[in-house]
Amino acid sequence: MTQPIRSRPTPWTTVLLLCGKCGRKMDGGYGPKGKETLRTALRAELKAGGHGRAVRIIETRCLGVCPKKAVTALNASRPARLLVVPNRTPAAEALADLLRAGDGEGPDPERGEGDTGKKDGGR
């Protein structure tokens, strides 16, 4: 007889996915001195804002965008939009964009979001 599937509560309200391949290519590039990974910078920003364990940050395999000098990120609660976070982006700005990513606003043409002109969706 097999064991039943059980569930357990978590302290997380949001899960952020960061491309591990992009992060390894960057070798830092974030934080006040530009020597931290995006994950480390975001984690520090969350801790400073008192959000501690409410947001889980997970590095994944390649998300398929592969930008130059940036990391691809996704708010797993709102998978409609991938974000590309350029190096030297302040952690507070990156975190704010990630937490509101896909909130129904749609792409913002003034920020260069939206149609990339490529048939394959920008890949």
Protein backbone atom coordinates (compact mmCIF):
# COMPACT_ATOMS: atom_id res chain seq x y z
CA MET A 1 0.00 0.00 0.00
CA THR A 2 1.38 3.42 -0.94
CA GLN A 3 1.64 6.35 1.39
CA PRO A 4 -0.94 9.13 0.90
CA ILE A 5 0.21 12.45 -0.48
CA ARG A 6 0.38 15.00 2.30
CA SER A 7 0.67 18.74 2.27
CA ARG A 8 2.57 21.03 4.60
CA PRO A 9 2.24 24.77 5.10
CA THR A 10 5.10 27.10 4.15
CA PRO A 11 5.97 30.59 5.36
CA TRP A 12 6.17 31.83 1.75
CA THR A 13 3.73 34.19 0.13
CA THR A 14 5.77 34.60 -3.07
CA VAL A 15 8.27 32.45 -4.97
CA LEU A 16 10.78 34.14 -7.28
CA LEU A 17 12.68 32.11 -9.88
CA LEU A 18 16.08 33.32 -11.10
CA CYS A 19 17.98 31.78 -13.99
CA GLY A 20 21.03 30.10 -12.49
CA LYS A 21 22.83 30.05 -15.83
CA CYS A 22 22.48 33.83 -16.20
CA GLY A 23 23.65 34.26 -12.61
CA ARG A 24 26.78 32.18 -13.18
CA LYS A 25 27.64 34.12 -16.34
CA MET A 26 27.29 37.42 -14.47
CA ASP A 27 29.63 36.46 -11.61
CA GLY A 28 28.20 39.25 -9.45
CA GLY A 29 27.11 42.60 -10.83
CA TYR A 30 24.57 43.55 -8.17
CA GLY A 31 24.57 45.15 -4.74
CA PRO A 32 26.22 48.41 -3.65
CA LYS A 33 29.67 47.45 -4.96
CA GLY A 34 28.52 45.27 -7.85
CA LYS A 35 30.07 42.14 -6.36
CA GLU A 36 26.95 40.30 -5.20
CA THR A 37 24.72 37.93 -7.14
CA LEU A 38 21.16 39.04 -7.84
CA ARG A 39 19.90 36.41 -5.41
CA THR A 40 22.11 37.72 -2.60
CA ALA A 41 21.16 41.34 -3.29
CA LEU A 42 17.45 40.52 -3.36
CA ARG A 43 17.71 38.46 -0.18
CA ALA A 44 19.45 41.37 1.61
CA GLU A 45 16.76 43.79 0.39
CA LEU A 46 14.01 41.46 1.63
CA LYS A 47 15.68 41.14 5.02
CA ALA A 48 16.13 44.91 5.30
CA GLY A 49 12.45 45.40 4.43
CA GLY A 50 11.36 42.96 7.12
CA HIS A 51 10.03 40.37 4.69
CA GLY A 52 12.49 37.68 5.79
CA ARG A 53 11.12 34.29 4.86
CA ALA A 54 7.89 35.45 3.19
CA VAL A 55 9.58 35.41 -0.23
CA ARG A 56 11.44 32.32 -1.45
CA ILE A 57 14.13 32.85 -4.11
CA ILE A 58 15.03 29.78 -6.16
CA GLU A 59 17.71 29.52 -8.83
CA THR A 60 16.54 27.37 -11.73
CA ARG A 61 18.01 26.03 -14.93
CA CYS A 62 17.96 28.14 -18.08
CA LEU A 63 14.69 30.01 -18.63
CA GLY A 64 15.42 30.39 -22.35
CA VAL A 65 15.94 34.15 -22.72
CA CYS A 66 19.74 34.37 -22.22
CA PRO A 67 20.29 38.16 -22.10
CA LYS A 68 23.72 39.78 -22.14
CA LYS A 69 24.84 41.29 -18.81
CA ALA A 70 21.51 40.56 -17.12
CA VAL A 71 19.62 37.84 -15.24
CA THR A 72 16.24 36.44 -16.29
CA ALA A 73 13.73 36.34 -13.43
CA LEU A 74 10.13 35.27 -12.91
CA ASN A 75 7.54 35.71 -10.19
CA ALA A 76 6.12 32.17 -10.01
CA SER A 77 2.79 33.50 -8.75
CA ARG A 78 2.42 35.43 -11.99
CA PRO A 79 4.14 33.47 -14.78
CA ALA A 80 2.79 35.61 -17.63
CA ARG A 81 5.95 37.77 -17.74
CA LEU A 82 9.65 37.05 -17.60
CA LEU A 83 11.79 39.97 -16.47
CA VAL A 84 15.34 40.69 -17.55
CA VAL A 85 17.23 42.41 -14.72
CA PRO A 86 20.33 44.25 -16.05
CA ASN A 87 23.49 44.24 -13.95
CA ARG A 88 23.89 47.15 -11.51
CA THR A 89 20.08 47.41 -11.13
CA PRO A 90 19.39 48.43 -7.51
CA ALA A 91 17.97 45.49 -5.55
CA ALA A 92 15.00 47.56 -4.34
CA GLU A 93 14.00 48.38 -7.93
CA ALA A 94 14.43 44.77 -9.10
CA LEU A 95 12.43 43.46 -6.15
CA ALA A 96 9.60 45.95 -6.71
CA ASP A 97 9.38 44.98 -10.40
CA LEU A 98 9.45 41.26 -9.58
CA LEU A 99 6.74 41.53 -6.94
CA ARG A 100 4.38 43.38 -9.26
CA ALA A 101 5.33 41.42 -12.43
CA GLY A 102 2.25 40.24 -14.26
CA ASP A 103 -0.26 42.03 -12.05
CA GLY A 104 -2.56 42.53 -15.02
CA GLU A 105 -1.10 45.81 -16.19
CA GLY A 106 0.34 44.32 -19.37
CA PRO A 107 3.58 45.39 -21.07
CA ASP A 108 4.76 48.98 -20.73
CA PRO A 109 5.98 50.28 -24.13
CA GLU A 110 7.72 53.26 -22.49
CA ARG A 111 10.02 50.83 -20.65
CA GLY A 112 10.77 48.83 -23.80
CA GLU A 113 8.43 45.99 -22.84
CA GLY A 114 6.13 44.23 -25.22
CA ASP A 115 6.60 43.08 -28.81
CA THR A 116 10.23 42.27 -29.54
CA GLY A 117 9.62 42.00 -33.27
CA LYS A 118 10.65 38.35 -33.20
CA LYS A 119 8.25 35.60 -34.20
CA ASP A 120 9.39 33.23 -31.47
CA GLY A 121 8.44 35.54 -28.63
CA GLY A 122 11.90 37.04 -28.13
CA ARG A 123 13.94 33.88 -27.83
